[in-house]
Amino acid sequence: MPEGDTVYLAGKRLRAALTGGTLLRGELRHPRLVEHDLAGRTVTGVASVGKHLFTRFDDGRSLHSHFRMDGSWHLYRPGMSWQRPAHEARAVLATAERVAVGFALHDMELLPTADESRLVGHLGPDLLDPEWSDAHAAEALRRFTARGASEVGSVLLEQRVMAGVGNLYKTEVCFLRGISPWTLTRDVDDPAAVIALSRELLLRNADRPEQSTTGELGRAQHWVFERGGQRCRRCGTRILVAEQGESVYARIAYWCPTCQPGPSPTPTRRPPRRR
C-alpha cells in the first residue's frame, strides 16, 4: 500500500491540473458508479487525507478514491497514450487541457463533500496535514501511547493512530530510532520523537516521487527497507527479514539486529547474500 506522501503528491498534482476546470469527460467506470456522468461539473479542489483522496466538484459532491496496493492517478495531455491498459481505468476526468485517469482504484465513492468525514473521521491525525499543530502532535501521541501492549511496528501502520505511515516509513523510523519493530509501544523511550520523525520523513519526500530516508537518491535511498541479506549501512551486520502481524495485516519487516536491539522473531526469509 502506498505511503502517505505518494497520495499527497498525487493530490497536489491533480489539484494543480484540474482545479477550476470544467470536465469535458467525467467517466466513472467503477462497477458501483457507472451510472454517474460528471461531464459539465467544475473541479473545485483536490484534498488528500492520509491515504485517501477527495476530488471535489461544484455541485457539492466529492469523488473519493483509495489506492490500495496497485491504484494510481495518471495525468496526460489530450491525445496522449495512456501508460496502463484502458481496462484498468476506473475514472477519466478530462478538461480542455488535462486528462486525469484513475487506474485500478478498488475503493471509490461519490458522496456529498459535507460527508467526507464519514470515510476518514476515524483516522488519526494526518502527518501531512498542512495545518499540523501541537494539538495534532498531542493527539497522535495520545493514540500512540494508548496502544502500549502492541508492537511498535504494527502501531506505526495503524491509520487510526496517525495517518500516512506505510511499511517503508515504519521500517525506516524503527531503524533510525534504534528500535526493534517488535518492541512494545510502552517500552519505547521517546514516543513523541517517533511521531516527529515519521512526520519529518514524510514531509521530506512529499514533493517528489523518490522516497529517501538516508538523504541520498538512487541506490542508497533506504537504510534497511527491502535490503534483506545486505549489509547494514551503519554497522555492516546482515539485515534480517521476517513477517510482522497476522493474516491480511501481515507485513514484511526489515531490521538490523545490532542497531535495533530488542525482541525479534526468528527470521522467516533469508534473501540471497549480497556484498
C-alpha atoms as a PDB file:
ATOM      1  CA  MET A   1       0.000   0.000   0.000  1.00  0.00           C
ATOM      2  CA  PRO A   2       1.426   3.441  -0.881  1.00  0.00           C
ATOM      3  CA  GLU A   3       2.819   5.756   1.744  1.00  0.00           C
ATOM      4  CA  GLY A   4       1.007   8.946   2.638  1.00  0.00           C
ATOM      5  CA  ASP A   5       3.495  11.093   0.717  1.00  0.00           C
ATOM      6  CA  THR A   6       2.645   9.258  -2.514  1.00  0.00           C
ATOM      7  CA  VAL A   7      -1.042  10.076  -2.076  1.00  0.00           C
ATOM      8  CA  TYR A   8      -0.221  13.649  -1.027  1.00  0.00           C
ATOM      9  CA  LEU A   9       1.842  14.182  -4.191  1.00  0.00           C
ATOM     10  CA  ALA A  10      -0.893  12.684  -6.378  1.00  0.00           C
ATOM     11  CA  GLY A  11      -3.403  15.051  -4.793  1.00  0.00           C
ATOM     12  CA  LYS A  12      -1.110  18.039  -5.290  1.00  0.00           C
ATOM     13  CA  ARG A  13      -0.656  17.248  -8.984  1.00  0.00           C
ATOM     14  CA  LEU A  14      -4.361  16.604  -9.559  1.00  0.00           C
ATOM     15  CA  ARG A  15      -5.241  19.842  -7.765  1.00  0.00           C
ATOM     16  CA  ALA A  16      -2.876  21.856  -9.960  1.00  0.00           C
ATOM     17  CA  ALA A  17      -4.102  20.189 -13.145  1.00  0.00           C
ATOM     18  CA  LEU A  18      -7.862  20.144 -12.596  1.00  0.00           C
ATOM     19  CA  THR A  19      -8.934  22.850 -10.140  1.00  0.00           C
ATOM     20  CA  GLY A  20     -11.101  25.433 -11.834  1.00  0.00           C
ATOM     21  CA  GLY A  21     -11.518  23.310 -14.944  1.00  0.00           C
ATOM     22  CA  THR A  22     -14.852  22.139 -16.331  1.00  0.00           C
ATOM     23  CA  LEU A  23     -14.955  18.451 -17.175  1.00  0.00           C
ATOM     24  CA  LEU A  24     -15.466  17.550 -20.822  1.00  0.00           C
ATOM     25  CA  ARG A  25     -15.348  13.897 -19.760  1.00  0.00           C
ATOM     26  CA  GLY A  26     -16.305  12.658 -16.347  1.00  0.00           C
ATOM     27  CA  GLU A  27     -16.477   8.895 -16.695  1.00  0.00           C
ATOM     28  CA  LEU A  28     -16.669   6.666 -13.628  1.00  0.00           C
ATOM     29  CA  ARG A  29     -16.021   3.081 -14.665  1.00  0.00           C
ATOM     30  CA  HIS A  30     -16.118   1.556 -11.210  1.00  0.00           C
ATOM     31  CA  PRO A  31     -18.914  -1.071 -11.070  1.00  0.00           C
ATOM     32  CA  ARG A  32     -20.761   0.844  -8.344  1.00  0.00           C
ATOM     33  CA  LEU A  33     -20.552   4.205 -10.104  1.00  0.00           C
ATOM     34  CA  VAL A  34     -21.019   3.548 -13.815  1.00  0.00           C
ATOM     35  CA  GLU A  35     -24.417   5.287 -13.916  1.00  0.00           C
ATOM     36  CA  HIS A  36     -22.834   8.628 -12.959  1.00  0.00           C
ATOM     37  CA  ASP A  37     -21.501  11.104 -15.523  1.00  0.00           C
ATOM     38  CA  LEU A  38     -19.542  14.080 -14.189  1.00  0.00           C
ATOM     39  CA  ALA A  39     -19.194  15.881 -17.532  1.00  0.00           C
ATOM     40  CA  GLY A  40     -20.065  19.560 -17.120  1.00  0.00           C
ATOM     41  CA  ARG A  41     -19.014  19.680 -13.481  1.00  0.00           C
ATOM     42  CA  THR A  42     -16.242  22.068 -12.412  1.00  0.00           C
ATOM     43  CA  VAL A  43     -13.487  20.767 -10.149  1.00  0.00           C
ATOM     44  CA  THR A  44     -13.238  22.990  -7.077  1.00  0.00           C
ATOM     45  CA  GLY A  45     -10.303  21.229  -5.419  1.00  0.00           C
ATOM     46  CA  VAL A  46      -8.487  18.013  -4.556  1.00  0.00           C
ATOM     47  CA  ALA A  47      -7.562  17.079  -0.993  1.00  0.00           C
ATOM     48  CA  SER A  48      -5.580  14.203   0.484  1.00  0.00           C
ATOM     49  CA  VAL A  49      -6.288  12.854   3.948  1.00  0.00           C
ATOM     50  CA  GLY A  50      -3.783  10.173   4.938  1.00  0.00           C
ATOM     51  CA  LYS A  51      -4.036   7.645   2.136  1.00  0.00           C
ATOM     52  CA  HIS A  52      -7.412   8.910   0.869  1.00  0.00           C
ATOM     53  CA  LEU A  53      -8.081  11.364  -1.975  1.00  0.00           C
ATOM     54  CA  PHE A  54     -11.147  13.560  -2.456  1.00  0.00           C
ATOM     55  CA  THR A  55     -11.792  15.307  -5.783  1.00  0.00           C
ATOM     56  CA  ARG A  56     -14.424  17.966  -5.159  1.00  0.00           C
ATOM     57  CA  PHE A  57     -16.977  19.374  -7.597  1.00  0.00           C
ATOM     58  CA  ASP A  58     -19.146  22.464  -7.830  1.00  0.00           C
ATOM     59  CA  ASP A  59     -22.346  20.503  -7.205  1.00  0.00           C
ATOM     60  CA  GLY A  60     -21.320  19.821  -3.610  1.00  0.00           C
ATOM     61  CA  ARG A  61     -20.114  16.260  -4.223  1.00  0.00           C
ATOM     62  CA  SER A  62     -16.712  14.608  -3.856  1.00  0.00           C
ATOM     63  CA  LEU A  63     -15.182  11.608  -5.585  1.00  0.00           C
ATOM     64  CA  HIS A  64     -13.347   9.519  -3.008  1.00  0.00           C
ATOM     65  CA  SER A  65     -10.540   7.193  -4.104  1.00  0.00           C
ATOM     66  CA  HIS A  66      -8.062   4.987  -2.276  1.00  0.00           C
ATOM     67  CA  PHE A  67      -5.023   3.454  -3.969  1.00  0.00           C
ATOM     68  CA  ARG A  68      -4.859   0.181  -2.004  1.00  0.00           C
ATOM     69  CA  MET A  69      -1.944  -1.864  -3.355  1.00  0.00           C
ATOM     70  CA  ASP A  70      -1.918  -1.065  -7.059  1.00  0.00           C
ATOM     71  CA  GLY A  71      -4.058   2.005  -7.686  1.00  0.00           C
ATOM     72  CA  SER A  72      -2.772   5.292  -9.095  1.00  0.00           C
ATOM     73  CA  TRP A  73      -3.795   8.506 -10.816  1.00  0.00           C
ATOM     74  CA  HIS A  74      -2.009   9.486 -14.032  1.00  0.00           C
ATOM     75  CA  LEU A  75      -2.044  12.875 -15.755  1.00  0.00           C
ATOM     76  CA  TYR A  76      -1.895  13.297 -19.539  1.00  0.00           C
ATOM     77  CA  ARG A  77      -2.316  15.932 -22.176  1.00  0.00           C
ATOM     78  CA  PRO A  78      -5.283  15.388 -24.524  1.00  0.00           C
ATOM     79  CA  GLY A  79      -4.408  12.835 -27.187  1.00  0.00           C
ATOM     80  CA  MET A  80      -1.515  11.256 -25.299  1.00  0.00           C
ATOM     81  CA  SER A  81      -1.379   7.456 -24.980  1.00  0.00           C
ATOM     82  CA  TRP A  82      -2.073   6.027 -21.541  1.00  0.00           C
ATOM     83  CA  GLN A  83       0.708   4.147 -19.778  1.00  0.00           C
ATOM     84  CA  ARG A  84      -1.618   1.481 -18.360  1.00  0.00           C
ATOM     85  CA  PRO A  85      -4.273  -0.587 -20.160  1.00  0.00           C
ATOM     86  CA  ALA A  86      -7.658   1.075 -20.704  1.00  0.00           C
ATOM     87  CA  HIS A  87      -9.454  -1.810 -18.997  1.00  0.00           C
ATOM     88  CA  GLU A  88      -7.731  -0.838 -15.727  1.00  0.00           C
ATOM     89  CA  ALA A  89      -9.158   2.693 -15.815  1.00  0.00           C
ATOM     90  CA  ARG A  90     -11.794   3.347 -13.144  1.00  0.00           C
ATOM     91  CA  ALA A  91     -12.175   7.101 -13.665  1.00  0.00           C
ATOM     92  CA  VAL A  92     -11.486   9.531 -16.520  1.00  0.00           C
ATOM     93  CA  LEU A  93     -11.671  13.234 -15.649  1.00  0.00           C
ATOM     94  CA  ALA A  94     -10.766  15.408 -18.623  1.00  0.00           C
ATOM     95  CA  THR A  95     -10.714  19.175 -19.076  1.00  0.00           C
ATOM     96  CA  ALA A  96      -9.699  21.017 -22.216  1.00  0.00           C
ATOM     97  CA  GLU A  97      -6.055  20.914 -21.141  1.00  0.00           C
ATOM     98  CA  ARG A  98      -5.519  17.834 -18.943  1.00  0.00           C
ATOM     99  CA  VAL A  99      -6.746  14.250 -18.643  1.00  0.00           C
ATOM    100  CA  ALA A 100      -6.635  12.526 -15.265  1.00  0.00           C
ATOM    101  CA  VAL A 101      -7.049   8.747 -15.310  1.00  0.00           C
ATOM    102  CA  GLY A 102      -7.502   6.717 -12.146  1.00  0.00           C
ATOM    103  CA  PHE A 103      -6.203   3.180 -12.657  1.00  0.00           C
ATOM    104  CA  ALA A 104      -7.023   0.111 -10.527  1.00  0.00           C
ATOM    105  CA  LEU A 105      -8.863   2.164  -7.905  1.00  0.00           C
ATOM    106  CA  HIS A 106     -10.701  -0.512  -5.952  1.00  0.00           C
ATOM    107  CA  ASP A 107     -12.255   1.856  -3.398  1.00  0.00           C
ATOM    108  CA  MET A 108     -14.297   4.665  -4.948  1.00  0.00           C
ATOM    109  CA  GLU A 109     -17.381   6.511  -3.784  1.00  0.00           C
ATOM    110  CA  LEU A 110     -19.297   9.588  -4.890  1.00  0.00           C
ATOM    111  CA  LEU A 111     -20.656  11.381  -1.848  1.00  0.00           C
ATOM    112  CA  PRO A 112     -21.614  14.834  -0.552  1.00  0.00           C
ATOM    113  CA  THR A 113     -18.499  16.852   0.253  1.00  0.00           C
ATOM    114  CA  ALA A 114     -20.035  17.612   3.644  1.00  0.00           C
ATOM    115  CA  ASP A 115     -19.985  13.874   4.400  1.00  0.00           C
ATOM    116  CA  GLU A 116     -16.277  13.210   3.712  1.00  0.00           C
ATOM    117  CA  SER A 117     -15.681  12.670   7.416  1.00  0.00           C
ATOM    118  CA  ARG A 118     -17.779   9.514   7.185  1.00  0.00           C
ATOM    119  CA  LEU A 119     -14.859   7.912   5.340  1.00  0.00           C
ATOM    120  CA  VAL A 120     -11.910   9.497   7.164  1.00  0.00           C
ATOM    121  CA  GLY A 121     -13.265  10.616  10.523  1.00  0.00           C
ATOM    122  CA  HIS A 122     -11.893   7.501  12.213  1.00  0.00           C
ATOM    123  CA  LEU A 123      -8.318   8.275  11.185  1.00  0.00           C
ATOM    124  CA  GLY A 124      -5.680   9.627  13.495  1.00  0.00           C
ATOM    125  CA  PRO A 125      -4.023  12.986  12.751  1.00  0.00           C
ATOM    126  CA  ASP A 126      -2.786  13.260   9.183  1.00  0.00           C
ATOM    127  CA  LEU A 127       1.002  13.601   9.332  1.00  0.00           C
ATOM    128  CA  LEU A 128       0.942  15.705   6.150  1.00  0.00           C
ATOM    129  CA  ASP A 129      -1.914  17.951   7.216  1.00  0.00           C
ATOM    130  CA  PRO A 130      -0.866  21.486   6.141  1.00  0.00           C
ATOM    131  CA  GLU A 131      -2.456  22.773   9.353  1.00  0.00           C
ATOM    132  CA  TRP A 132      -0.493  20.389  11.602  1.00  0.00           C
ATOM    133  CA  SER A 133      -0.128  21.858  15.073  1.00  0.00           C
ATOM    134  CA  ASP A 134       0.911  20.961  18.597  1.00  0.00           C
ATOM    135  CA  ALA A 135      -2.650  19.759  19.129  1.00  0.00           C
ATOM    136  CA  HIS A 136      -2.286  17.263  16.268  1.00  0.00           C
ATOM    137  CA  ALA A 137       1.004  16.026  17.710  1.00  0.00           C
ATOM    138  CA  ALA A 138      -0.555  15.656  21.163  1.00  0.00           C
ATOM    139  CA  GLU A 139      -3.495  13.676  19.793  1.00  0.00           C
ATOM    140  CA  ALA A 140      -1.173  11.381  17.827  1.00  0.00           C
ATOM    141  CA  LEU A 141       0.886  10.827  20.988  1.00  0.00           C
ATOM    142  CA  ARG A 142      -2.252  10.036  22.989  1.00  0.00           C
ATOM    143  CA  ARG A 143      -3.370   7.446  20.462  1.00  0.00           C
ATOM    144  CA  PHE A 144       0.125   6.016  20.123  1.00  0.00           C
ATOM    145  CA  THR A 145       0.688   5.514  23.842  1.00  0.00           C
ATOM    146  CA  ALA A 146      -2.799   4.044  24.253  1.00  0.00           C
ATOM    147  CA  ARG A 147      -1.516   1.061  22.207  1.00  0.00           C
ATOM    148  CA  GLY A 148       1.070   0.269  24.885  1.00  0.00           C
ATOM    149  CA  ALA A 149       0.655  -3.510  24.732  1.00  0.00           C
ATOM    150  CA  SER A 150       1.077  -3.619  20.936  1.00  0.00           C
ATOM    151  CA  GLU A 151       4.285  -3.883  18.909  1.00  0.00           C
ATOM    152  CA  VAL A 152       5.538  -0.522  17.741  1.00  0.00           C
ATOM    153  CA  GLY A 153       5.931  -1.678  14.132  1.00  0.00           C
ATOM    154  CA  SER A 154       2.253  -2.559  13.944  1.00  0.00           C
ATOM    155  CA  VAL A 155       1.161   0.618  15.739  1.00  0.00           C
ATOM    156  CA  LEU A 156       3.041   2.796  13.255  1.00  0.00           C
ATOM    157  CA  LEU A 157       0.990   1.228  10.467  1.00  0.00           C
ATOM    158  CA  GLU A 158      -2.311   1.753  12.247  1.00  0.00           C
ATOM    159  CA  GLN A 159      -4.020   4.639  10.463  1.00  0.00           C
ATOM    160  CA  ARG A 160      -6.343   5.180  13.420  1.00  0.00           C
ATOM    161  CA  VAL A 161      -3.286   6.249  15.418  1.00  0.00           C
ATOM    162  CA  MET A 162      -1.794   8.608  12.827  1.00  0.00           C
ATOM    163  CA  ALA A 163      -2.439   8.635   9.107  1.00  0.00           C
ATOM    164  CA  GLY A 164       0.216   8.356   6.433  1.00  0.00           C
ATOM    165  CA  VAL A 165       2.848   5.826   7.513  1.00  0.00           C
ATOM    166  CA  GLY A 166       3.252   2.707   5.389  1.00  0.00           C
ATOM    167  CA  ASN A 167       5.673  -0.197   5.560  1.00  0.00           C
ATOM    168  CA  LEU A 168       8.606   1.776   4.145  1.00  0.00           C
ATOM    169  CA  TYR A 169       8.488   4.532   6.741  1.00  0.00           C
ATOM    170  CA  LYS A 170       7.605   2.132   9.540  1.00  0.00           C
ATOM    171  CA  THR A 171      10.782   0.217   8.765  1.00  0.00           C
ATOM    172  CA  GLU A 172      12.995   3.268   8.458  1.00  0.00           C
ATOM    173  CA  VAL A 173      11.617   5.049  11.536  1.00  0.00           C
ATOM    174  CA  CYS A 174      12.302   1.987  13.669  1.00  0.00           C
ATOM    175  CA  PHE A 175      15.852   1.799  12.334  1.00  0.00           C
ATOM    176  CA  LEU A 176      16.602   5.487  12.804  1.00  0.00           C
ATOM    177  CA  ARG A 177      15.263   5.399  16.372  1.00  0.00           C
ATOM    178  CA  GLY A 178      17.198   2.189  17.154  1.00  0.00           C
ATOM    179  CA  ILE A 179      14.019   0.248  17.989  1.00  0.00           C
ATOM    180  CA  SER A 180      13.163  -3.315  17.085  1.00  0.00           C
ATOM    181  CA  PRO A 181       9.773  -3.325  15.300  1.00  0.00           C
ATOM    182  CA  TRP A 182       8.669  -5.931  17.877  1.00  0.00           C
ATOM    183  CA  THR A 183       9.310  -3.638  20.849  1.00  0.00           C
ATOM    184  CA  LEU A 184       6.114  -2.996  22.782  1.00  0.00           C
ATOM    185  CA  THR A 185       4.954   0.585  22.405  1.00  0.00           C
ATOM    186  CA  ARG A 186       5.033   1.120  26.177  1.00  0.00           C
ATOM    187  CA  ASP A 187       8.766   0.313  26.128  1.00  0.00           C
ATOM    188  CA  VAL A 188       9.615   2.980  23.544  1.00  0.00           C
ATOM    189  CA  ASP A 189      11.761   5.588  25.294  1.00  0.00           C
ATOM    190  CA  ASP A 190      10.573   8.689  23.446  1.00  0.00           C
ATOM    191  CA  PRO A 191       7.289   8.107  21.593  1.00  0.00           C
ATOM    192  CA  ALA A 192       6.947  11.809  20.737  1.00  0.00           C
ATOM    193  CA  ALA A 193      10.243  11.583  18.828  1.00  0.00           C
ATOM    194  CA  VAL A 194       8.923   8.579  16.875  1.00  0.00           C
ATOM    195  CA  ILE A 195       5.893  10.611  15.791  1.00  0.00           C
ATOM    196  CA  ALA A 196       8.012  13.653  14.933  1.00  0.00           C
ATOM    197  CA  LEU A 197      10.402  11.538  12.847  1.00  0.00           C
ATOM    198  CA  SER A 198       7.521   9.894  10.992  1.00  0.00           C
ATOM    199  CA  ARG A 199       6.212  13.317  10.022  1.00  0.00           C
ATOM    200  CA  GLU A 200       9.693  14.592   9.133  1.00  0.00           C
ATOM    201  CA  LEU A 201      10.379  11.734   6.713  1.00  0.00           C
ATOM    202  CA  LEU A 202       7.005  12.096   5.012  1.00  0.00           C
ATOM    203  CA  LEU A 203       7.476  15.853   4.656  1.00  0.00           C
ATOM    204  CA  ARG A 204      10.977  15.369   3.283  1.00  0.00           C
ATOM    205  CA  ASN A 205       9.618  13.353   0.363  1.00  0.00           C
ATOM    206  CA  ALA A 206       6.159  14.866  -0.095  1.00  0.00           C
ATOM    207  CA  ASP A 207       7.012  16.905  -3.187  1.00  0.00           C
ATOM    208  CA  ARG A 208       8.905  14.287  -5.188  1.00  0.00           C
ATOM    209  CA  PRO A 209       8.292  10.684  -6.302  1.00  0.00           C
ATOM    210  CA  GLU A 210      11.605   9.460  -4.829  1.00  0.00           C
ATOM    211  CA  GLN A 211      11.378   8.366  -1.195  1.00  0.00           C
ATOM    212  CA  SER A 212      14.728   8.784   0.511  1.00  0.00           C
ATOM    213  CA  THR A 213      15.360   8.317   4.228  1.00  0.00           C
ATOM    214  CA  THR A 214      19.160   8.453   4.011  1.00  0.00           C
ATOM    215  CA  GLY A 215      19.399  11.835   2.335  1.00  0.00           C
ATOM    216  CA  GLU A 216      20.640  10.157  -0.837  1.00  0.00           C
ATOM    217  CA  LEU A 217      18.847   9.440  -4.095  1.00  0.00           C
ATOM    218  CA  GLY A 218      19.498   6.461  -6.323  1.00  0.00           C
ATOM    219  CA  ARG A 219      20.618   3.090  -4.977  1.00  0.00           C
ATOM    220  CA  ALA A 220      21.286   4.244  -1.406  1.00  0.00           C
ATOM    221  CA  GLN A 221      17.880   5.754  -0.612  1.00  0.00           C
ATOM    222  CA  HIS A 222      16.959   3.494   2.329  1.00  0.00           C
ATOM    223  CA  TRP A 223      18.710   2.247   5.448  1.00  0.00           C
ATOM    224  CA  VAL A 224      17.140  -1.212   5.745  1.00  0.00           C
ATOM    225  CA  PHE A 225      13.862  -1.281   3.792  1.00  0.00           C
ATOM    226  CA  GLU A 226      13.940  -4.014   1.110  1.00  0.00           C
ATOM    227  CA  ARG A 227      17.627  -4.665   1.888  1.00  0.00           C
ATOM    228  CA  GLY A 228      17.248  -8.076   3.486  1.00  0.00           C
ATOM    229  CA  GLY A 229      20.515 -10.031   3.456  1.00  0.00           C
ATOM    230  CA  GLN A 230      22.582  -6.945   2.641  1.00  0.00           C
ATOM    231  CA  ARG A 231      24.991  -5.201   4.979  1.00  0.00           C
ATOM    232  CA  CYS A 232      23.713  -2.526   7.337  1.00  0.00           C
ATOM    233  CA  ARG A 233      24.916   0.854   6.118  1.00  0.00           C
ATOM    234  CA  ARG A 234      25.977   1.730   9.681  1.00  0.00           C
ATOM    235  CA  CYS A 235      27.500  -1.359  11.249  1.00  0.00           C
ATOM    236  CA  GLY A 236      27.847  -3.970   8.496  1.00  0.00           C
ATOM    237  CA  THR A 237      25.578  -6.577  10.125  1.00  0.00           C
ATOM    238  CA  ARG A 238      23.348  -8.559   7.782  1.00  0.00           C
ATOM    239  CA  ILE A 239      19.848  -7.105   7.652  1.00  0.00           C
ATOM    240  CA  LEU A 240      17.199  -9.610   8.681  1.00  0.00           C
ATOM    241  CA  VAL A 241      13.684 -10.132   7.360  1.00  0.00           C
ATOM    242  CA  ALA A 242      10.534 -11.524   8.968  1.00  0.00           C
ATOM    243  CA  GLU A 243       6.779 -11.094   8.808  1.00  0.00           C
ATOM    244  CA  GLN A 244       5.093  -8.934  11.403  1.00  0.00           C
ATOM    245  CA  GLY A 245       1.356  -9.024  12.001  1.00  0.00           C
ATOM    246  CA  GLU A 246      -1.248 -11.614  11.229  1.00  0.00           C
ATOM    247  CA  SER A 247      -3.379 -12.602   8.246  1.00  0.00           C
ATOM    248  CA  VAL A 248      -4.132  -9.697   5.860  1.00  0.00           C
ATOM    249  CA  TYR A 249      -2.375  -7.306   8.251  1.00  0.00           C
ATOM    250  CA  ALA A 250       0.987  -9.078   7.974  1.00  0.00           C
ATOM    251  CA  ARG A 251       3.814  -7.008   6.510  1.00  0.00           C
ATOM    252  CA  ILE A 252       7.461  -7.761   5.821  1.00  0.00           C
ATOM    253  CA  ALA A 253       9.759  -6.209   8.431  1.00  0.00           C
ATOM    254  CA  TYR A 254      13.442  -5.438   7.843  1.00  0.00           C
ATOM    255  CA  TRP A 255      15.808  -4.690  10.710  1.00  0.00           C
ATOM    256  CA  CYS A 256      19.425  -4.675  11.802  1.00  0.00           C
ATOM    257  CA  PRO A 257      19.794  -6.820  14.944  1.00  0.00           C
ATOM    258  CA  THR A 258      22.828  -4.802  16.042  1.00  0.00           C
ATOM    259  CA  CYS A 259      21.473  -1.277  15.530  1.00  0.00           C
ATOM    260  CA  GLN A 260      17.970  -2.255  16.673  1.00  0.00           C
ATOM    261  CA  PRO A 261      18.320  -4.366  19.822  1.00  0.00           C
ATOM    262  CA  GLY A 262      15.212  -5.775  21.442  1.00  0.00           C
ATOM    263  CA  PRO A 263      12.654  -8.513  20.885  1.00  0.00           C
ATOM    264  CA  SER A 264      12.509 -10.110  17.459  1.00  0.00           C
ATOM    265  CA  PRO A 265      11.379 -13.377  15.905  1.00  0.00           C
ATOM    266  CA  THR A 266      13.475 -15.927  14.081  1.00  0.00           C
ATOM    267  CA  PRO A 267      13.902 -14.585  10.543  1.00  0.00           C
ATOM    268  CA  THR A 268      11.450 -16.285   8.218  1.00  0.00           C
ATOM    269  CA  ARG A 269      13.043 -15.270   4.947  1.00  0.00           C
ATOM    270  CA  ARG A 270      16.705 -15.040   4.097  1.00  0.00           C
ATOM    271  CA  PRO A 271      17.324 -13.414   0.703  1.00  0.00           C
ATOM    272  CA  PRO A 272      20.495 -14.324  -1.161  1.00  0.00           C
ATOM    273  CA  ARG A 273      23.533 -12.640   0.324  1.00  0.00           C
ATOM    274  CA  ARG A 274      24.887  -9.635  -1.483  1.00  0.00           C
ATOM    275  CA  ARG A 275      28.183  -7.923  -0.999  1.00  0.00           C
END
